[in-house]
Amino acid sequence: MRVNKYLSEAGVCSRRGADKWISANRVKINDELATLGSKVEEFDIVKVDNEIITIDKGYVYIALNKPRGITSTTERHIKGNVVDYVNHQERIFHIGRLDKDSEGLLLLTSDGDIVNEILRAENNHEKEYVVSVDKPITKDFVKQMSEGVEILEQKTLPAKIEQLNDRTFKIILTQGLNRQIRRMCEALGYEVKKLKRIRIMNIKLEGIKYGEWRDLTKEEFEELTQSLSYKPKRERMISK
């Protein structure tokens, strides 16, 4: 962007005021005097009277309907990583994980602090899934899944289960062990055929098309931060 717009968006002066500063040789870009019309690139350093000026960008909070085959990782060398898939203008990272073979709701943000708040196991935040398995569900299966299953040398916490049809059920978890639902089903002799996350706390998948993402709404964001007793250090930014 033009340097006068950069200084204006940084909140240090108006564009007209910036032009006056530039004409007075008070503005530098990468330690070279700026001229009227000079442009600022992404990694340029802008100074006024030798003081570095930065634009304090707000945080982004988005909800993705992750398709199968996309990996929940920020490692860009991994093919099909979620960061490249979303291709957001800001540097974002995922909150928790969703298996490559699973689909549904995945939250991403540029706010590292809120990630820690959401991932704390002691906060008992609900995550809801719809799961299809390879054979008919029994009453005993529902009972054991709800009461806890021995996996990874521990018993899973109690979960809320609702059977939807003979091979599909909803489950609400308050913990996030590695491939937890798949391991629970395997321990009981079932194989997961399809797994979709439909809710994380108050954020729902409904309304987000498969493979697409959107910013959290004002209402969603406020309810989320209130439930966490969390106040971001920066304002929320809407994606462009």
C-alpha atoms as a PDB file:
ATOM      1  CA  MET A   1       0.000   0.000   0.000  1.00  0.00           C
ATOM      2  CA  ARG A   2       1.064   3.636  -0.365  1.00  0.00           C
ATOM      3  CA  VAL A   3       3.080   4.876   2.567  1.00  0.00           C
ATOM      4  CA  ASN A   4       0.591   7.649   3.405  1.00  0.00           C
ATOM      5  CA  LYS A   5      -2.180   5.045   3.693  1.00  0.00           C
ATOM      6  CA  TYR A   6       0.107   2.841   5.800  1.00  0.00           C
ATOM      7  CA  LEU A   7       0.739   5.669   8.277  1.00  0.00           C
ATOM      8  CA  SER A   8      -2.963   6.495   8.332  1.00  0.00           C
ATOM      9  CA  GLU A   9      -3.954   2.881   9.053  1.00  0.00           C
ATOM     10  CA  ALA A  10      -1.281   2.749  11.768  1.00  0.00           C
ATOM     11  CA  GLY A  11      -3.181   5.606  13.405  1.00  0.00           C
ATOM     12  CA  VAL A  12      -0.292   8.061  13.610  1.00  0.00           C
ATOM     13  CA  CYS A  13      -1.699  10.707  11.265  1.00  0.00           C
ATOM     14  CA  SER A  14      -4.056  11.359   8.367  1.00  0.00           C
ATOM     15  CA  ARG A  15      -3.000  10.695   4.770  1.00  0.00           C
ATOM     16  CA  ARG A  16      -2.662  14.442   4.216  1.00  0.00           C
ATOM     17  CA  GLY A  17      -0.567  14.705   7.365  1.00  0.00           C
ATOM     18  CA  ALA A  18       1.580  11.812   6.173  1.00  0.00           C
ATOM     19  CA  ASP A  19       2.223  13.599   2.866  1.00  0.00           C
ATOM     20  CA  LYS A  20       3.483  16.604   4.806  1.00  0.00           C
ATOM     21  CA  TRP A  21       5.807  14.412   6.864  1.00  0.00           C
ATOM     22  CA  ILE A  22       7.091  12.733   3.711  1.00  0.00           C
ATOM     23  CA  SER A  23       7.781  16.116   2.094  1.00  0.00           C
ATOM     24  CA  ALA A  24       9.636  17.155   5.251  1.00  0.00           C
ATOM     25  CA  ASN A  25      11.887  14.070   4.985  1.00  0.00           C
ATOM     26  CA  ARG A  26      10.608  12.634   8.266  1.00  0.00           C
ATOM     27  CA  VAL A  27       9.539   9.257   6.820  1.00  0.00           C
ATOM     28  CA  LYS A  28      11.819   6.364   5.869  1.00  0.00           C
ATOM     29  CA  ILE A  29      11.189   2.952   4.349  1.00  0.00           C
ATOM     30  CA  ASN A  30      13.983   0.485   5.085  1.00  0.00           C
ATOM     31  CA  ASP A  31      16.149   3.436   6.199  1.00  0.00           C
ATOM     32  CA  GLU A  32      15.719   5.227   2.872  1.00  0.00           C
ATOM     33  CA  LEU A  33      13.755   8.484   2.646  1.00  0.00           C
ATOM     34  CA  ALA A  34      10.240   7.940   1.384  1.00  0.00           C
ATOM     35  CA  THR A  35       8.813  10.060  -1.404  1.00  0.00           C
ATOM     36  CA  LEU A  36       5.210  10.941  -2.206  1.00  0.00           C
ATOM     37  CA  GLY A  37       3.692   7.815  -3.704  1.00  0.00           C
ATOM     38  CA  SER A  38       6.228   5.382  -2.207  1.00  0.00           C
ATOM     39  CA  LYS A  39       4.769   1.964  -1.512  1.00  0.00           C
ATOM     40  CA  VAL A  40       5.209  -0.275   1.529  1.00  0.00           C
ATOM     41  CA  GLU A  41       5.614  -4.009   0.954  1.00  0.00           C
ATOM     42  CA  GLU A  42       4.832  -6.746   3.488  1.00  0.00           C
ATOM     43  CA  PHE A  43       8.219  -6.928   5.239  1.00  0.00           C
ATOM     44  CA  ASP A  44       9.291  -3.291   4.884  1.00  0.00           C
ATOM     45  CA  ILE A  45      10.231  -1.281   7.972  1.00  0.00           C
ATOM     46  CA  VAL A  46       8.625   2.157   8.137  1.00  0.00           C
ATOM     47  CA  LYS A  47       9.992   4.855  10.425  1.00  0.00           C
ATOM     48  CA  VAL A  48       8.874   8.368  11.338  1.00  0.00           C
ATOM     49  CA  ASP A  49      11.601  10.452  12.957  1.00  0.00           C
ATOM     50  CA  ASN A  50      13.538   7.161  13.275  1.00  0.00           C
ATOM     51  CA  GLU A  51      10.720   5.520  15.285  1.00  0.00           C
ATOM     52  CA  ILE A  52       9.373   2.265  13.814  1.00  0.00           C
ATOM     53  CA  ILE A  53       5.681   2.437  12.903  1.00  0.00           C
ATOM     54  CA  THR A  54       3.608  -0.766  12.709  1.00  0.00           C
ATOM     55  CA  ILE A  55      -0.019  -1.496  11.939  1.00  0.00           C
ATOM     56  CA  ASP A  56      -1.552  -3.337  14.866  1.00  0.00           C
ATOM     57  CA  LYS A  57      -3.659  -5.860  12.997  1.00  0.00           C
ATOM     58  CA  GLY A  58      -6.545  -7.491  14.770  1.00  0.00           C
ATOM     59  CA  TYR A  59      -6.861 -11.216  15.316  1.00  0.00           C
ATOM     60  CA  VAL A  60      -8.840 -13.441  12.980  1.00  0.00           C
ATOM     61  CA  TYR A  61     -11.111 -16.254  14.162  1.00  0.00           C
ATOM     62  CA  ILE A  62     -12.537 -18.516  11.494  1.00  0.00           C
ATOM     63  CA  ALA A  63     -14.564 -21.722  11.246  1.00  0.00           C
ATOM     64  CA  LEU A  64     -13.730 -24.216   8.498  1.00  0.00           C
ATOM     65  CA  ASN A  65     -15.803 -27.135   7.247  1.00  0.00           C
ATOM     66  CA  LYS A  66     -12.723 -29.303   6.738  1.00  0.00           C
ATOM     67  CA  PRO A  67     -13.002 -31.864   3.969  1.00  0.00           C
ATOM     68  CA  ARG A  68     -11.500 -35.337   4.198  1.00  0.00           C
ATOM     69  CA  GLY A  69      -7.896 -35.513   3.024  1.00  0.00           C
ATOM     70  CA  ILE A  70      -6.819 -32.189   4.533  1.00  0.00           C
ATOM     71  CA  THR A  71      -4.284 -32.479   7.375  1.00  0.00           C
ATOM     72  CA  SER A  72      -4.549 -30.381  10.541  1.00  0.00           C
ATOM     73  CA  THR A  73      -0.988 -29.085  10.512  1.00  0.00           C
ATOM     74  CA  THR A  74       0.842 -25.801   9.997  1.00  0.00           C
ATOM     75  CA  GLU A  75       3.816 -27.581   8.421  1.00  0.00           C
ATOM     76  CA  ARG A  76       3.720 -26.208   4.905  1.00  0.00           C
ATOM     77  CA  HIS A  77       5.872 -28.979   3.415  1.00  0.00           C
ATOM     78  CA  ILE A  78       3.103 -31.504   4.100  1.00  0.00           C
ATOM     79  CA  LYS A  79       0.867 -31.857   1.076  1.00  0.00           C
ATOM     80  CA  GLY A  80      -2.745 -30.962   1.828  1.00  0.00           C
ATOM     81  CA  ASN A  81      -1.942 -28.980   5.000  1.00  0.00           C
ATOM     82  CA  VAL A  82      -4.823 -26.902   6.326  1.00  0.00           C
ATOM     83  CA  VAL A  83      -2.917 -23.590   6.205  1.00  0.00           C
ATOM     84  CA  ASP A  84      -2.351 -23.775   2.460  1.00  0.00           C
ATOM     85  CA  TYR A  85      -5.890 -25.065   1.985  1.00  0.00           C
ATOM     86  CA  VAL A  86      -7.470 -22.062   3.702  1.00  0.00           C
ATOM     87  CA  ASN A  87      -4.926 -19.682   2.101  1.00  0.00           C
ATOM     88  CA  HIS A  88      -5.698 -16.870   4.530  1.00  0.00           C
ATOM     89  CA  GLN A  89      -3.958 -13.498   4.265  1.00  0.00           C
ATOM     90  CA  GLU A  90      -2.929 -13.703   7.938  1.00  0.00           C
ATOM     91  CA  ARG A  91      -0.665 -16.242   9.618  1.00  0.00           C
ATOM     92  CA  ILE A  92      -3.151 -18.636  11.201  1.00  0.00           C
ATOM     93  CA  PHE A  93      -3.037 -21.952  13.017  1.00  0.00           C
ATOM     94  CA  HIS A  94      -5.639 -24.547  13.924  1.00  0.00           C
ATOM     95  CA  ILE A  95      -7.179 -24.973  17.371  1.00  0.00           C
ATOM     96  CA  GLY A  96      -6.896 -28.658  18.153  1.00  0.00           C
ATOM     97  CA  ARG A  97      -6.912 -31.276  15.446  1.00  0.00           C
ATOM     98  CA  LEU A  98      -9.289 -33.140  13.174  1.00  0.00           C
ATOM     99  CA  ASP A  99      -7.964 -36.360  11.629  1.00  0.00           C
ATOM    100  CA  LYS A 100      -7.061 -36.350   7.949  1.00  0.00           C
ATOM    101  CA  ASP A 101      -9.784 -38.939   7.335  1.00  0.00           C
ATOM    102  CA  SER A 102     -12.365 -36.959   9.321  1.00  0.00           C
ATOM    103  CA  GLU A 103     -14.378 -33.935   8.245  1.00  0.00           C
ATOM    104  CA  GLY A 104     -16.302 -31.073   9.756  1.00  0.00           C
ATOM    105  CA  LEU A 105     -15.708 -28.148  12.058  1.00  0.00           C
ATOM    106  CA  LEU A 106     -12.169 -26.905  12.640  1.00  0.00           C
ATOM    107  CA  LEU A 107     -11.415 -23.528  14.212  1.00  0.00           C
ATOM    108  CA  LEU A 108      -8.410 -21.484  13.106  1.00  0.00           C
ATOM    109  CA  THR A 109      -7.030 -18.222  14.437  1.00  0.00           C
ATOM    110  CA  SER A 110      -4.066 -15.879  14.603  1.00  0.00           C
ATOM    111  CA  ASP A 111      -4.583 -15.497  18.377  1.00  0.00           C
ATOM    112  CA  GLY A 112      -2.233 -17.900  20.146  1.00  0.00           C
ATOM    113  CA  ASP A 113      -3.580 -17.146  23.614  1.00  0.00           C
ATOM    114  CA  ILE A 114      -7.117 -18.286  22.868  1.00  0.00           C
ATOM    115  CA  VAL A 115      -5.744 -21.563  21.506  1.00  0.00           C
ATOM    116  CA  ASN A 116      -4.299 -22.357  24.934  1.00  0.00           C
ATOM    117  CA  GLU A 117      -7.578 -21.435  26.649  1.00  0.00           C
ATOM    118  CA  ILE A 118      -9.673 -23.716  24.458  1.00  0.00           C
ATOM    119  CA  LEU A 119      -7.263 -26.653  24.601  1.00  0.00           C
ATOM    120  CA  ARG A 120      -7.035 -26.795  28.375  1.00  0.00           C
ATOM    121  CA  ALA A 121      -8.528 -30.159  29.260  1.00  0.00           C
ATOM    122  CA  GLU A 122      -9.728 -28.935  32.644  1.00  0.00           C
ATOM    123  CA  ASN A 123     -12.109 -26.487  30.990  1.00  0.00           C
ATOM    124  CA  ASN A 124     -14.288 -29.425  29.839  1.00  0.00           C
ATOM    125  CA  HIS A 125     -15.279 -27.803  26.566  1.00  0.00           C
ATOM    126  CA  GLU A 126     -17.794 -29.819  24.566  1.00  0.00           C
ATOM    127  CA  LYS A 127     -17.095 -31.115  21.060  1.00  0.00           C
ATOM    128  CA  GLU A 128     -19.904 -32.867  19.172  1.00  0.00           C
ATOM    129  CA  TYR A 129     -19.550 -35.441  16.395  1.00  0.00           C
ATOM    130  CA  VAL A 130     -21.715 -37.546  14.098  1.00  0.00           C
ATOM    131  CA  VAL A 131     -20.169 -40.986  13.569  1.00  0.00           C
ATOM    132  CA  SER A 132     -21.048 -43.858  11.226  1.00  0.00           C
ATOM    133  CA  VAL A 133     -19.702 -47.357  11.873  1.00  0.00           C
ATOM    134  CA  ASP A 134     -19.413 -50.600   9.907  1.00  0.00           C
ATOM    135  CA  LYS A 135     -22.093 -52.692  11.632  1.00  0.00           C
ATOM    136  CA  PRO A 136     -25.302 -52.319  13.655  1.00  0.00           C
ATOM    137  CA  ILE A 137     -25.009 -50.479  16.954  1.00  0.00           C
ATOM    138  CA  THR A 138     -26.064 -52.388  20.078  1.00  0.00           C
ATOM    139  CA  LYS A 139     -27.365 -51.149  23.420  1.00  0.00           C
ATOM    140  CA  ASP A 140     -24.164 -52.447  25.011  1.00  0.00           C
ATOM    141  CA  PHE A 141     -22.059 -50.383  22.562  1.00  0.00           C
ATOM    142  CA  VAL A 142     -23.992 -47.224  23.453  1.00  0.00           C
ATOM    143  CA  LYS A 143     -23.654 -47.956  27.172  1.00  0.00           C
ATOM    144  CA  GLN A 144     -19.887 -48.554  27.023  1.00  0.00           C
ATOM    145  CA  MET A 145     -19.217 -45.524  24.800  1.00  0.00           C
ATOM    146  CA  SER A 146     -21.155 -43.324  27.203  1.00  0.00           C
ATOM    147  CA  GLU A 147     -19.543 -44.690  30.373  1.00  0.00           C
ATOM    148  CA  GLY A 148     -15.953 -44.779  29.089  1.00  0.00           C
ATOM    149  CA  VAL A 149     -13.673 -47.103  27.133  1.00  0.00           C
ATOM    150  CA  GLU A 150     -10.139 -48.274  27.892  1.00  0.00           C
ATOM    151  CA  ILE A 151      -7.772 -46.787  25.287  1.00  0.00           C
ATOM    152  CA  LEU A 152      -4.192 -45.528  25.463  1.00  0.00           C
ATOM    153  CA  GLU A 153      -3.813 -47.075  28.931  1.00  0.00           C
ATOM    154  CA  GLN A 154      -6.641 -45.023  30.415  1.00  0.00           C
ATOM    155  CA  LYS A 155     -10.420 -44.946  30.557  1.00  0.00           C
ATOM    156  CA  THR A 156     -12.101 -42.190  28.595  1.00  0.00           C
ATOM    157  CA  LEU A 157     -14.310 -39.711  30.425  1.00  0.00           C
ATOM    158  CA  PRO A 158     -18.098 -40.219  30.336  1.00  0.00           C
ATOM    159  CA  ALA A 159     -19.666 -38.977  27.093  1.00  0.00           C
ATOM    160  CA  LYS A 160     -23.168 -38.143  25.895  1.00  0.00           C
ATOM    161  CA  ILE A 161     -24.385 -40.567  23.215  1.00  0.00           C
ATOM    162  CA  GLU A 162     -27.464 -40.416  20.988  1.00  0.00           C
ATOM    163  CA  GLN A 163     -28.154 -43.174  18.483  1.00  0.00           C
ATOM    164  CA  LEU A 164     -29.453 -41.767  15.176  1.00  0.00           C
ATOM    165  CA  ASN A 165     -30.000 -45.002  13.243  1.00  0.00           C
ATOM    166  CA  ASP A 166     -28.709 -48.579  13.270  1.00  0.00           C
ATOM    167  CA  ARG A 167     -25.146 -47.546  12.308  1.00  0.00           C
ATOM    168  CA  THR A 168     -24.913 -43.844  13.170  1.00  0.00           C
ATOM    169  CA  PHE A 169     -24.671 -41.984  16.464  1.00  0.00           C
ATOM    170  CA  LYS A 170     -23.902 -38.579  17.930  1.00  0.00           C
ATOM    171  CA  ILE A 171     -21.287 -38.243  20.641  1.00  0.00           C
ATOM    172  CA  ILE A 172     -20.297 -35.257  22.789  1.00  0.00           C
ATOM    173  CA  LEU A 173     -16.776 -35.366  24.239  1.00  0.00           C
ATOM    174  CA  THR A 174     -15.100 -33.156  26.809  1.00  0.00           C
ATOM    175  CA  GLN A 175     -11.579 -34.446  26.188  1.00  0.00           C
ATOM    176  CA  GLY A 176      -9.384 -34.788  23.144  1.00  0.00           C
ATOM    177  CA  LEU A 177      -7.228 -37.895  23.146  1.00  0.00           C
ATOM    178  CA  ASN A 178      -5.454 -38.841  19.935  1.00  0.00           C
ATOM    179  CA  ARG A 179      -7.977 -40.332  17.463  1.00  0.00           C
ATOM    180  CA  GLN A 180     -10.211 -40.851  20.478  1.00  0.00           C
ATOM    181  CA  ILE A 181     -13.512 -41.815  18.844  1.00  0.00           C
ATOM    182  CA  ARG A 182     -11.868 -44.154  16.353  1.00  0.00           C
ATOM    183  CA  ARG A 183      -9.893 -45.861  19.126  1.00  0.00           C
ATOM    184  CA  MET A 184     -13.006 -46.180  21.331  1.00  0.00           C
ATOM    185  CA  CYS A 185     -14.937 -47.810  18.519  1.00  0.00           C
ATOM    186  CA  GLU A 186     -12.054 -50.125  17.638  1.00  0.00           C
ATOM    187  CA  ALA A 187     -11.778 -51.226  21.277  1.00  0.00           C
ATOM    188  CA  LEU A 188     -15.427 -52.316  21.080  1.00  0.00           C
ATOM    189  CA  GLY A 189     -15.012 -54.143  17.766  1.00  0.00           C
ATOM    190  CA  TYR A 190     -16.321 -51.427  15.436  1.00  0.00           C
ATOM    191  CA  GLU A 191     -14.692 -49.546  12.572  1.00  0.00           C
ATOM    192  CA  VAL A 192     -15.492 -45.887  11.916  1.00  0.00           C
ATOM    193  CA  LYS A 193     -16.624 -45.333   8.337  1.00  0.00           C
ATOM    194  CA  LYS A 194     -17.371 -41.610   8.592  1.00  0.00           C
ATOM    195  CA  LEU A 195     -16.661 -39.058  11.296  1.00  0.00           C
ATOM    196  CA  LYS A 196     -17.867 -35.463  11.182  1.00  0.00           C
ATOM    197  CA  ARG A 197     -17.441 -32.821  13.900  1.00  0.00           C
ATOM    198  CA  ILE A 198     -20.505 -30.597  14.020  1.00  0.00           C
ATOM    199  CA  ARG A 199     -19.851 -28.396  17.057  1.00  0.00           C
ATOM    200  CA  ILE A 200     -17.064 -26.964  19.202  1.00  0.00           C
ATOM    201  CA  MET A 201     -18.478 -25.299  22.321  1.00  0.00           C
ATOM    202  CA  ASN A 202     -21.009 -22.757  20.962  1.00  0.00           C
ATOM    203  CA  ILE A 203     -19.676 -22.808  17.380  1.00  0.00           C
ATOM    204  CA  LYS A 204     -21.731 -24.967  15.013  1.00  0.00           C
ATOM    205  CA  LEU A 205     -20.899 -26.385  11.594  1.00  0.00           C
ATOM    206  CA  GLU A 206     -24.401 -25.743  10.293  1.00  0.00           C
ATOM    207  CA  GLY A 207     -24.470 -23.235   7.429  1.00  0.00           C
ATOM    208  CA  ILE A 208     -20.850 -23.680   6.336  1.00  0.00           C
ATOM    209  CA  LYS A 209     -20.599 -25.443   2.985  1.00  0.00           C
ATOM    210  CA  TYR A 210     -18.299 -28.452   2.693  1.00  0.00           C
ATOM    211  CA  GLY A 211     -14.724 -27.266   2.152  1.00  0.00           C
ATOM    212  CA  GLU A 212     -15.495 -23.601   2.857  1.00  0.00           C
ATOM    213  CA  TRP A 213     -14.826 -21.287   5.825  1.00  0.00           C
ATOM    214  CA  ARG A 214     -16.147 -18.092   7.359  1.00  0.00           C
ATOM    215  CA  ASP A 215     -15.329 -15.645  10.142  1.00  0.00           C
ATOM    216  CA  LEU A 216     -17.001 -16.240  13.481  1.00  0.00           C
ATOM    217  CA  THR A 217     -19.996 -13.965  13.901  1.00  0.00           C
ATOM    218  CA  LYS A 218     -19.965 -11.217  16.498  1.00  0.00           C
ATOM    219  CA  GLU A 219     -22.389 -13.232  18.634  1.00  0.00           C
ATOM    220  CA  GLU A 220     -20.364 -16.445  18.364  1.00  0.00           C
ATOM    221  CA  PHE A 221     -17.134 -14.639  19.218  1.00  0.00           C
ATOM    222  CA  GLU A 222     -18.596 -12.847  22.225  1.00  0.00           C
ATOM    223  CA  GLU A 223     -20.177 -16.024  23.627  1.00  0.00           C
ATOM    224  CA  LEU A 224     -16.941 -17.940  23.069  1.00  0.00           C
ATOM    225  CA  THR A 225     -14.723 -15.418  24.850  1.00  0.00           C
ATOM    226  CA  GLN A 226     -17.229 -14.973  27.683  1.00  0.00           C
ATOM    227  CA  SER A 227     -17.383 -18.719  28.318  1.00  0.00           C
ATOM    228  CA  LEU A 228     -13.583 -18.760  28.462  1.00  0.00           C
ATOM    229  CA  SER A 229     -13.413 -15.617  30.636  1.00  0.00           C
ATOM    230  CA  TYR A 230     -10.924 -14.457  28.033  1.00  0.00           C
ATOM    231  CA  LYS A 231     -10.239 -11.006  26.653  1.00  0.00           C
ATOM    232  CA  PRO A 232      -8.083 -10.798  23.502  1.00  0.00           C
ATOM    233  CA  LYS A 233      -5.168  -8.381  23.492  1.00  0.00           C
ATOM    234  CA  ARG A 234      -6.298  -7.078  20.097  1.00  0.00           C
ATOM    235  CA  GLU A 235      -9.582  -6.396  18.370  1.00  0.00           C
ATOM    236  CA  ARG A 236     -11.218  -8.994  16.142  1.00  0.00           C
ATOM    237  CA  MET A 237     -10.514  -8.559  12.445  1.00  0.00           C
ATOM    238  CA  ILE A 238     -12.906  -9.580   9.684  1.00  0.00           C
ATOM    239  CA  SER A 239     -11.255 -11.333   6.739  1.00  0.00           C
ATOM    240  CA  LYS A 240     -11.171  -9.455   3.463  1.00  0.00           C
END
